[in-house]
Amino acid sequence: MTGRTGRRHRPRRAVAVSPHLDDAVFSVGGTLAALVAAGWFVEVLTCFTASVPDPAPFALSTQLDKGLPAHVDYLALRRAEDAAACRRLGVRPVHLPLPEAPHRGYDSAPELFAGVRPDDPVGEALVVALRPRLLAADLVLAPQALGGHVDHRVVAEAVVACVPDALWWRDVPYVSRAPDERPWRAVPPGVEQAVDIRPYLDVKVDAAGRYRTQLDFQFGGPTRVGPALHALAAAEAGRLAGRGAVEVLWGPAGRLASTGVV
């Protein structure tokens, strides 16, 4: 994919395709910071960010259970959190106006992990929105869809439909619960490649802390974000028989080395 634009005098451009407004930063915030430090222009493109008036009961419950009243525009609040997190990393946020699964007829938490519904048309719309942006990028990063969330699977399948050589991150927090899970079957064959994020781990933690509405639910509270992300980065290094703090990506051999961050 490198050189697709043919404009080598410009900074190389990376696009991280995030299902929700936190996935990319939680999962590969250190890698994104490393790319910025290496001179890359980095976008975090989040797919499902649309505000939906009068949400269905299950969709509404996803904000009520976080202590937010029904009149609050939950997705607007989350978009603002994402903008703050991206500023901290030095990356550009892009928000696609597509609805999350609870706004597309998935009516319970179990349904979010039961596979893509045959009447859910969002995959086609996502490919149309993504293709020109990803074809213009020098590097694409995307989720392996660990954990099986329907939105993560839709994103993985859409990215595969657009580009052949993405690098795929291990989804946080799902990877902490199932560290040996393999990438979703739509993800092409590849090898694991590690990014040393020790110089960037603290800025990742700081950026992750900007998603205030999610911290209790995902980490058990703001004070546990740093310990959780530090422990995960160390566990990922240990899983590869190493030490330190890493984020692990999956993709074509040598693809990560071509970015200049290893």
C-alpha atoms as a PDB file:
ATOM      1  CA  MET A   1       0.000   0.000   0.000  1.00  0.00           C
ATOM      2  CA  THR A   2       2.946   2.314   0.589  1.00  0.00           C
ATOM      3  CA  GLY A   3       3.277   4.872  -2.154  1.00  0.00           C
ATOM      4  CA  ARG A   4      -0.294   4.496  -3.379  1.00  0.00           C
ATOM      5  CA  THR A   5      -0.667   8.260  -3.631  1.00  0.00           C
ATOM      6  CA  GLY A   6       2.729   8.699  -5.288  1.00  0.00           C
ATOM      7  CA  ARG A   7       3.344  11.899  -3.278  1.00  0.00           C
ATOM      8  CA  ARG A   8       6.397  11.039  -1.249  1.00  0.00           C
ATOM      9  CA  HIS A   9       7.141  14.676  -0.362  1.00  0.00           C
ATOM     10  CA  ARG A  10       4.081  14.618   1.887  1.00  0.00           C
ATOM     11  CA  PRO A  11       3.979  12.811   5.236  1.00  0.00           C
ATOM     12  CA  ARG A  12       2.832   9.240   4.951  1.00  0.00           C
ATOM     13  CA  ARG A  13      -0.798   8.843   5.992  1.00  0.00           C
ATOM     14  CA  ALA A  14      -2.148   6.178   8.308  1.00  0.00           C
ATOM     15  CA  VAL A  15      -5.832   5.524   8.964  1.00  0.00           C
ATOM     16  CA  ALA A  16      -6.972   3.581  12.023  1.00  0.00           C
ATOM     17  CA  VAL A  17     -10.504   2.303  11.417  1.00  0.00           C
ATOM     18  CA  SER A  18     -12.251   2.240  14.786  1.00  0.00           C
ATOM     19  CA  PRO A  19     -15.697   0.678  15.231  1.00  0.00           C
ATOM     20  CA  HIS A  20     -16.598   2.864  18.219  1.00  0.00           C
ATOM     21  CA  LEU A  21     -15.447   6.066  19.844  1.00  0.00           C
ATOM     22  CA  ASP A  22     -12.612   4.604  21.946  1.00  0.00           C
ATOM     23  CA  ASP A  23     -11.618   1.296  20.310  1.00  0.00           C
ATOM     24  CA  ALA A  24      -8.546   2.532  18.421  1.00  0.00           C
ATOM     25  CA  VAL A  25      -7.122   4.509  21.335  1.00  0.00           C
ATOM     26  CA  PHE A  26      -7.740   1.758  23.894  1.00  0.00           C
ATOM     27  CA  SER A  27      -6.228  -0.858  21.571  1.00  0.00           C
ATOM     28  CA  VAL A  28      -3.357   0.866  19.728  1.00  0.00           C
ATOM     29  CA  GLY A  29      -3.000   4.326  21.201  1.00  0.00           C
ATOM     30  CA  GLY A  30       0.708   3.663  21.717  1.00  0.00           C
ATOM     31  CA  THR A  31       1.199   2.640  18.101  1.00  0.00           C
ATOM     32  CA  LEU A  32      -0.660   5.726  16.885  1.00  0.00           C
ATOM     33  CA  ALA A  33       1.588   7.935  19.021  1.00  0.00           C
ATOM     34  CA  ALA A  34       4.662   6.115  17.682  1.00  0.00           C
ATOM     35  CA  LEU A  35       3.534   6.737  14.098  1.00  0.00           C
ATOM     36  CA  VAL A  36       3.093  10.441  14.830  1.00  0.00           C
ATOM     37  CA  ALA A  37       6.576  10.556  16.354  1.00  0.00           C
ATOM     38  CA  ALA A  38       7.932   8.890  13.190  1.00  0.00           C
ATOM     39  CA  GLY A  39       6.457  11.669  11.034  1.00  0.00           C
ATOM     40  CA  TRP A  40       3.212  10.057   9.916  1.00  0.00           C
ATOM     41  CA  PHE A  41      -0.073  11.927   9.535  1.00  0.00           C
ATOM     42  CA  VAL A  42      -2.558   9.765  11.429  1.00  0.00           C
ATOM     43  CA  GLU A  43      -6.351   9.689  11.310  1.00  0.00           C
ATOM     44  CA  VAL A  44      -8.629   7.773  13.639  1.00  0.00           C
ATOM     45  CA  LEU A  45     -11.714   7.107  11.551  1.00  0.00           C
ATOM     46  CA  THR A  46     -14.592   5.953  13.742  1.00  0.00           C
ATOM     47  CA  CYS A  47     -17.402   4.227  11.902  1.00  0.00           C
ATOM     48  CA  PHE A  48     -20.449   4.201  14.180  1.00  0.00           C
ATOM     49  CA  THR A  49     -20.920   7.644  15.705  1.00  0.00           C
ATOM     50  CA  ALA A  50     -24.368   8.860  14.617  1.00  0.00           C
ATOM     51  CA  SER A  51     -26.647  10.554  17.126  1.00  0.00           C
ATOM     52  CA  VAL A  52     -30.105   8.977  16.973  1.00  0.00           C
ATOM     53  CA  PRO A  53     -33.122  10.868  18.353  1.00  0.00           C
ATOM     54  CA  ASP A  54     -35.618   8.857  20.390  1.00  0.00           C
ATOM     55  CA  PRO A  55     -33.464   5.736  20.735  1.00  0.00           C
ATOM     56  CA  ALA A  56     -35.000   2.319  21.244  1.00  0.00           C
ATOM     57  CA  PRO A  57     -35.075   0.999  24.836  1.00  0.00           C
ATOM     58  CA  PHE A  58     -31.906  -1.094  24.630  1.00  0.00           C
ATOM     59  CA  ALA A  59     -29.981   1.701  22.902  1.00  0.00           C
ATOM     60  CA  LEU A  60     -31.137   4.149  25.563  1.00  0.00           C
ATOM     61  CA  SER A  61     -30.093   1.734  28.297  1.00  0.00           C
ATOM     62  CA  THR A  62     -26.471   1.937  27.119  1.00  0.00           C
ATOM     63  CA  GLN A  63     -26.334   5.517  28.376  1.00  0.00           C
ATOM     64  CA  LEU A  64     -28.681   5.222  31.329  1.00  0.00           C
ATOM     65  CA  ASP A  65     -26.521   2.475  32.829  1.00  0.00           C
ATOM     66  CA  LYS A  66     -23.599   4.930  32.759  1.00  0.00           C
ATOM     67  CA  GLY A  67     -25.511   7.505  34.740  1.00  0.00           C
ATOM     68  CA  LEU A  68     -26.421   9.740  31.803  1.00  0.00           C
ATOM     69  CA  PRO A  69     -30.022  10.983  31.652  1.00  0.00           C
ATOM     70  CA  ALA A  70     -32.217  10.291  28.647  1.00  0.00           C
ATOM     71  CA  HIS A  71     -32.133  13.874  27.337  1.00  0.00           C
ATOM     72  CA  VAL A  72     -28.351  13.828  26.852  1.00  0.00           C
ATOM     73  CA  ASP A  73     -27.049  13.306  23.302  1.00  0.00           C
ATOM     74  CA  TYR A  74     -24.827  10.386  24.245  1.00  0.00           C
ATOM     75  CA  LEU A  75     -23.027  10.107  20.922  1.00  0.00           C
ATOM     76  CA  ALA A  76     -22.331  13.853  20.785  1.00  0.00           C
ATOM     77  CA  LEU A  77     -20.729  13.542  24.206  1.00  0.00           C
ATOM     78  CA  ARG A  78     -18.672  10.592  23.042  1.00  0.00           C
ATOM     79  CA  ARG A  79     -17.575  12.387  19.874  1.00  0.00           C
ATOM     80  CA  ALA A  80     -16.277  15.209  22.052  1.00  0.00           C
ATOM     81  CA  GLU A  81     -14.394  12.705  24.214  1.00  0.00           C
ATOM     82  CA  ASP A  82     -12.860  11.183  21.105  1.00  0.00           C
ATOM     83  CA  ALA A  83     -11.753  14.580  19.826  1.00  0.00           C
ATOM     84  CA  ALA A  84     -10.016  15.247  23.160  1.00  0.00           C
ATOM     85  CA  ALA A  85      -8.301  11.841  23.131  1.00  0.00           C
ATOM     86  CA  CYS A  86      -7.118  12.302  19.567  1.00  0.00           C
ATOM     87  CA  ARG A  87      -5.715  15.751  20.368  1.00  0.00           C
ATOM     88  CA  ARG A  88      -3.685  14.190  23.149  1.00  0.00           C
ATOM     89  CA  LEU A  89      -2.177  11.689  20.704  1.00  0.00           C
ATOM     90  CA  GLY A  90      -1.667  14.252  17.944  1.00  0.00           C
ATOM     91  CA  VAL A  91      -3.989  12.453  15.522  1.00  0.00           C
ATOM     92  CA  ARG A  92      -7.005  13.644  13.539  1.00  0.00           C
ATOM     93  CA  PRO A  93     -10.475  12.307  14.402  1.00  0.00           C
ATOM     94  CA  VAL A  94     -12.932  11.495  11.615  1.00  0.00           C
ATOM     95  CA  HIS A  95     -16.493  10.490  12.524  1.00  0.00           C
ATOM     96  CA  LEU A  96     -18.704   8.624  10.063  1.00  0.00           C
ATOM     97  CA  PRO A  97     -22.451   9.207  10.595  1.00  0.00           C
ATOM     98  CA  LEU A  98     -23.456   5.555  10.776  1.00  0.00           C
ATOM     99  CA  PRO A  99     -25.473   4.158  13.712  1.00  0.00           C
ATOM    100  CA  GLU A 100     -24.155   1.723  16.288  1.00  0.00           C
ATOM    101  CA  ALA A 101     -25.660  -1.757  16.467  1.00  0.00           C
ATOM    102  CA  PRO A 102     -28.177  -0.892  19.244  1.00  0.00           C
ATOM    103  CA  HIS A 103     -29.636   1.659  16.824  1.00  0.00           C
ATOM    104  CA  ARG A 104     -29.822  -0.902  13.998  1.00  0.00           C
ATOM    105  CA  GLY A 105     -32.216  -3.369  15.617  1.00  0.00           C
ATOM    106  CA  TYR A 106     -29.894  -5.318  17.932  1.00  0.00           C
ATOM    107  CA  ASP A 107     -32.073  -5.341  21.035  1.00  0.00           C
ATOM    108  CA  SER A 108     -29.967  -6.876  23.797  1.00  0.00           C
ATOM    109  CA  ALA A 109     -26.391  -7.373  24.919  1.00  0.00           C
ATOM    110  CA  PRO A 110     -26.384 -11.040  23.795  1.00  0.00           C
ATOM    111  CA  GLU A 111     -27.501  -9.990  20.310  1.00  0.00           C
ATOM    112  CA  LEU A 112     -24.414  -7.782  20.005  1.00  0.00           C
ATOM    113  CA  PHE A 113     -22.280 -10.935  20.107  1.00  0.00           C
ATOM    114  CA  ALA A 114     -24.511 -13.324  18.140  1.00  0.00           C
ATOM    115  CA  GLY A 115     -23.344 -12.466  14.635  1.00  0.00           C
ATOM    116  CA  VAL A 116     -24.375  -9.988  11.971  1.00  0.00           C
ATOM    117  CA  ARG A 117     -28.104 -10.030  11.278  1.00  0.00           C
ATOM    118  CA  PRO A 118     -29.023 -10.847   7.656  1.00  0.00           C
ATOM    119  CA  ASP A 119     -31.235  -7.754   7.526  1.00  0.00           C
ATOM    120  CA  ASP A 120     -28.446  -5.403   8.682  1.00  0.00           C
ATOM    121  CA  PRO A 121     -27.347  -3.386   5.610  1.00  0.00           C
ATOM    122  CA  VAL A 122     -24.665  -1.316   7.315  1.00  0.00           C
ATOM    123  CA  GLY A 123     -21.744  -3.318   5.897  1.00  0.00           C
ATOM    124  CA  GLU A 124     -22.391  -2.171   2.337  1.00  0.00           C
ATOM    125  CA  ALA A 125     -22.741   1.453   3.401  1.00  0.00           C
ATOM    126  CA  LEU A 126     -19.518   1.193   5.381  1.00  0.00           C
ATOM    127  CA  VAL A 127     -17.537  -0.166   2.425  1.00  0.00           C
ATOM    128  CA  VAL A 128     -18.761   2.724   0.267  1.00  0.00           C
ATOM    129  CA  ALA A 129     -17.700   5.231   2.934  1.00  0.00           C
ATOM    130  CA  LEU A 130     -14.340   3.611   3.660  1.00  0.00           C
ATOM    131  CA  ARG A 131     -13.009   2.629   0.233  1.00  0.00           C
ATOM    132  CA  PRO A 132     -11.814   6.043  -1.061  1.00  0.00           C
ATOM    133  CA  ARG A 133     -10.301   6.955   2.304  1.00  0.00           C
ATOM    134  CA  LEU A 134      -8.439   3.670   2.689  1.00  0.00           C
ATOM    135  CA  LEU A 135      -7.206   3.475  -0.890  1.00  0.00           C
ATOM    136  CA  ALA A 136      -5.630   6.916  -0.404  1.00  0.00           C
ATOM    137  CA  ALA A 137      -3.794   5.806   2.761  1.00  0.00           C
ATOM    138  CA  ASP A 138      -0.275   4.425   3.040  1.00  0.00           C
ATOM    139  CA  LEU A 139      -1.196   2.313   6.050  1.00  0.00           C
ATOM    140  CA  VAL A 140      -4.498   1.016   7.398  1.00  0.00           C
ATOM    141  CA  LEU A 141      -5.001  -0.339  10.904  1.00  0.00           C
ATOM    142  CA  ALA A 142      -8.180  -2.142  11.937  1.00  0.00           C
ATOM    143  CA  PRO A 143      -9.597  -4.466  14.624  1.00  0.00           C
ATOM    144  CA  GLN A 144      -9.191  -8.230  14.596  1.00  0.00           C
ATOM    145  CA  ALA A 145     -12.729  -8.368  16.049  1.00  0.00           C
ATOM    146  CA  LEU A 146     -11.668 -10.312  19.121  1.00  0.00           C
ATOM    147  CA  GLY A 147     -14.661 -10.843  21.355  1.00  0.00           C
ATOM    148  CA  GLY A 148     -17.093 -11.076  18.449  1.00  0.00           C
ATOM    149  CA  HIS A 149     -18.913  -7.755  18.799  1.00  0.00           C
ATOM    150  CA  VAL A 150     -21.041  -7.320  15.687  1.00  0.00           C
ATOM    151  CA  ASP A 151     -19.751  -3.802  14.960  1.00  0.00           C
ATOM    152  CA  HIS A 152     -16.148  -4.994  15.144  1.00  0.00           C
ATOM    153  CA  ARG A 153     -16.889  -7.851  12.746  1.00  0.00           C
ATOM    154  CA  VAL A 154     -18.625  -5.520  10.302  1.00  0.00           C
ATOM    155  CA  VAL A 155     -15.611  -3.199  10.352  1.00  0.00           C
ATOM    156  CA  ALA A 156     -13.136  -6.041   9.834  1.00  0.00           C
ATOM    157  CA  GLU A 157     -15.097  -7.342   6.853  1.00  0.00           C
ATOM    158  CA  ALA A 158     -15.429  -3.858   5.345  1.00  0.00           C
ATOM    159  CA  VAL A 159     -11.700  -3.176   5.640  1.00  0.00           C
ATOM    160  CA  VAL A 160     -10.890  -6.505   3.972  1.00  0.00           C
ATOM    161  CA  ALA A 161     -13.193  -5.515   1.118  1.00  0.00           C
ATOM    162  CA  CYS A 162     -11.250  -2.266   0.652  1.00  0.00           C
ATOM    163  CA  VAL A 163      -7.534  -3.023   1.079  1.00  0.00           C
ATOM    164  CA  PRO A 164      -5.374  -6.172   1.028  1.00  0.00           C
ATOM    165  CA  ASP A 165      -2.563  -5.338   3.455  1.00  0.00           C
ATOM    166  CA  ALA A 166      -3.935  -3.766   6.624  1.00  0.00           C
ATOM    167  CA  LEU A 167      -2.411  -4.298  10.035  1.00  0.00           C
ATOM    168  CA  TRP A 168      -4.871  -5.651  12.583  1.00  0.00           C
ATOM    169  CA  TRP A 169      -4.937  -4.781  16.280  1.00  0.00           C
ATOM    170  CA  ARG A 170      -5.992  -6.922  19.227  1.00  0.00           C
ATOM    171  CA  ASP A 171      -9.224  -5.423  20.548  1.00  0.00           C
ATOM    172  CA  VAL A 172      -9.154  -3.947  24.043  1.00  0.00           C
ATOM    173  CA  PRO A 173     -10.766  -4.822  26.442  1.00  0.00           C
ATOM    174  CA  TYR A 174     -11.700  -8.159  24.853  1.00  0.00           C
ATOM    175  CA  VAL A 175      -8.082  -9.292  24.532  1.00  0.00           C
ATOM    176  CA  SER A 176      -7.662  -9.101  28.317  1.00  0.00           C
ATOM    177  CA  ARG A 177     -10.494 -11.599  28.740  1.00  0.00           C
ATOM    178  CA  ALA A 178      -9.348 -13.985  25.989  1.00  0.00           C
ATOM    179  CA  PRO A 179      -5.632 -13.421  25.247  1.00  0.00           C
ATOM    180  CA  ASP A 180      -5.359 -16.559  23.111  1.00  0.00           C
ATOM    181  CA  GLU A 181      -8.300 -15.790  20.806  1.00  0.00           C
ATOM    182  CA  ARG A 182      -7.462 -15.798  17.110  1.00  0.00           C
ATOM    183  CA  PRO A 183      -8.444 -13.024  14.674  1.00  0.00           C
ATOM    184  CA  TRP A 184     -11.971 -13.128  13.245  1.00  0.00           C
ATOM    185  CA  ARG A 185     -12.134 -15.427  10.231  1.00  0.00           C
ATOM    186  CA  ALA A 186     -12.509 -12.516   7.793  1.00  0.00           C
ATOM    187  CA  VAL A 187      -9.032 -11.242   8.687  1.00  0.00           C
ATOM    188  CA  PRO A 188      -6.418 -12.422   6.129  1.00  0.00           C
ATOM    189  CA  PRO A 189      -3.497 -14.672   7.099  1.00  0.00           C
ATOM    190  CA  GLY A 190      -0.618 -12.897   8.752  1.00  0.00           C
ATOM    191  CA  VAL A 191       1.988 -12.940  11.490  1.00  0.00           C
ATOM    192  CA  GLU A 192       2.168 -11.172  14.815  1.00  0.00           C
ATOM    193  CA  GLN A 193       4.377  -8.099  14.994  1.00  0.00           C
ATOM    194  CA  ALA A 194       5.046  -6.095  18.144  1.00  0.00           C
ATOM    195  CA  VAL A 195       5.362  -2.340  18.626  1.00  0.00           C
ATOM    196  CA  ASP A 196       7.452  -1.234  21.615  1.00  0.00           C
ATOM    197  CA  ILE A 197       5.187   1.371  23.225  1.00  0.00           C
ATOM    198  CA  ARG A 198       7.238   2.091  26.351  1.00  0.00           C
ATOM    199  CA  PRO A 199       7.943   5.695  25.237  1.00  0.00           C
ATOM    200  CA  TYR A 200       4.244   6.231  24.499  1.00  0.00           C
ATOM    201  CA  LEU A 201       2.398   4.247  27.145  1.00  0.00           C
ATOM    202  CA  ASP A 202       1.785   7.172  29.467  1.00  0.00           C
ATOM    203  CA  VAL A 203       0.369   9.339  26.691  1.00  0.00           C
ATOM    204  CA  LYS A 204      -1.856   6.413  25.669  1.00  0.00           C
ATOM    205  CA  VAL A 205      -3.141   6.156  29.231  1.00  0.00           C
ATOM    206  CA  ASP A 206      -3.770   9.902  29.331  1.00  0.00           C
ATOM    207  CA  ALA A 207      -5.639   9.783  26.007  1.00  0.00           C
ATOM    208  CA  ALA A 208      -7.697   6.768  27.104  1.00  0.00           C
ATOM    209  CA  GLY A 209      -8.689   8.681  30.223  1.00  0.00           C
ATOM    210  CA  ARG A 210     -10.463  11.273  28.069  1.00  0.00           C
ATOM    211  CA  TYR A 211     -13.269   8.752  27.394  1.00  0.00           C
ATOM    212  CA  ARG A 212     -14.839   9.545  30.750  1.00  0.00           C
ATOM    213  CA  THR A 213     -18.228   7.990  30.010  1.00  0.00           C
ATOM    214  CA  GLN A 214     -16.605   4.611  29.365  1.00  0.00           C
ATOM    215  CA  LEU A 215     -14.053   4.261  32.154  1.00  0.00           C
ATOM    216  CA  ASP A 216     -16.276   2.740  34.836  1.00  0.00           C
ATOM    217  CA  PHE A 217     -17.768   0.246  32.390  1.00  0.00           C
ATOM    218  CA  GLN A 218     -14.538  -0.751  30.626  1.00  0.00           C
ATOM    219  CA  PHE A 219     -11.935  -0.490  33.389  1.00  0.00           C
ATOM    220  CA  GLY A 220     -13.756  -0.225  36.707  1.00  0.00           C
ATOM    221  CA  GLY A 221     -13.058   3.482  37.146  1.00  0.00           C
ATOM    222  CA  PRO A 222     -10.644   6.240  36.096  1.00  0.00           C
ATOM    223  CA  THR A 223      -7.926   5.245  38.557  1.00  0.00           C
ATOM    224  CA  ARG A 224      -7.735   1.762  37.067  1.00  0.00           C
ATOM    225  CA  VAL A 225      -7.107   2.804  33.465  1.00  0.00           C
ATOM    226  CA  GLY A 226      -3.352   3.229  33.861  1.00  0.00           C
ATOM    227  CA  PRO A 227      -2.748  -0.007  35.788  1.00  0.00           C
ATOM    228  CA  ALA A 228      -4.943  -1.967  33.366  1.00  0.00           C
ATOM    229  CA  LEU A 229      -3.213  -0.687  30.220  1.00  0.00           C
ATOM    230  CA  HIS A 230       0.256  -1.053  31.731  1.00  0.00           C
ATOM    231  CA  ALA A 231      -0.536  -4.622  32.781  1.00  0.00           C
ATOM    232  CA  LEU A 232      -1.929  -5.484  29.367  1.00  0.00           C
ATOM    233  CA  ALA A 233       1.118  -4.090  27.548  1.00  0.00           C
ATOM    234  CA  ALA A 234       3.407  -6.116  29.799  1.00  0.00           C
ATOM    235  CA  ALA A 235       1.275  -9.255  29.348  1.00  0.00           C
ATOM    236  CA  GLU A 236       1.382  -8.847  25.567  1.00  0.00           C
ATOM    237  CA  ALA A 237       5.175  -8.651  25.710  1.00  0.00           C
ATOM    238  CA  GLY A 238       5.285 -11.714  27.931  1.00  0.00           C
ATOM    239  CA  ARG A 239       2.992 -13.621  25.614  1.00  0.00           C
ATOM    240  CA  LEU A 240       5.616 -13.151  22.895  1.00  0.00           C
ATOM    241  CA  ALA A 241       8.358 -14.278  25.295  1.00  0.00           C
ATOM    242  CA  GLY A 242       9.641 -10.750  25.736  1.00  0.00           C
ATOM    243  CA  ARG A 243       9.748  -7.975  28.286  1.00  0.00           C
ATOM    244  CA  GLY A 244       8.684  -4.371  28.324  1.00  0.00           C
ATOM    245  CA  ALA A 245       5.414  -3.004  26.991  1.00  0.00           C
ATOM    246  CA  VAL A 246       4.051  -3.731  23.525  1.00  0.00           C
ATOM    247  CA  GLU A 247       0.988  -3.617  21.315  1.00  0.00           C
ATOM    248  CA  VAL A 248       0.710  -6.567  18.965  1.00  0.00           C
ATOM    249  CA  LEU A 249      -0.462  -6.253  15.365  1.00  0.00           C
ATOM    250  CA  TRP A 250      -1.311  -8.969  12.846  1.00  0.00           C
ATOM    251  CA  GLY A 251      -0.558  -8.691   9.166  1.00  0.00           C
ATOM    252  CA  PRO A 252       1.823  -9.380   6.283  1.00  0.00           C
ATOM    253  CA  ALA A 253       5.375 -10.154   7.356  1.00  0.00           C
ATOM    254  CA  GLY A 254       7.507  -7.019   7.257  1.00  0.00           C
ATOM    255  CA  ARG A 255       4.523  -4.682   6.959  1.00  0.00           C
ATOM    256  CA  LEU A 256       5.090  -3.134  10.361  1.00  0.00           C
ATOM    257  CA  ALA A 257       8.824  -2.757   9.774  1.00  0.00           C
ATOM    258  CA  SER A 258       8.070  -0.641   6.700  1.00  0.00           C
ATOM    259  CA  THR A 259       6.391   1.976   8.886  1.00  0.00           C
ATOM    260  CA  GLY A 260       9.596   2.917  10.716  1.00  0.00           C
ATOM    261  CA  VAL A 261       8.170   2.401  14.204  1.00  0.00           C
ATOM    262  CA  VAL A 262      10.118  -0.792  14.995  1.00  0.00           C
END
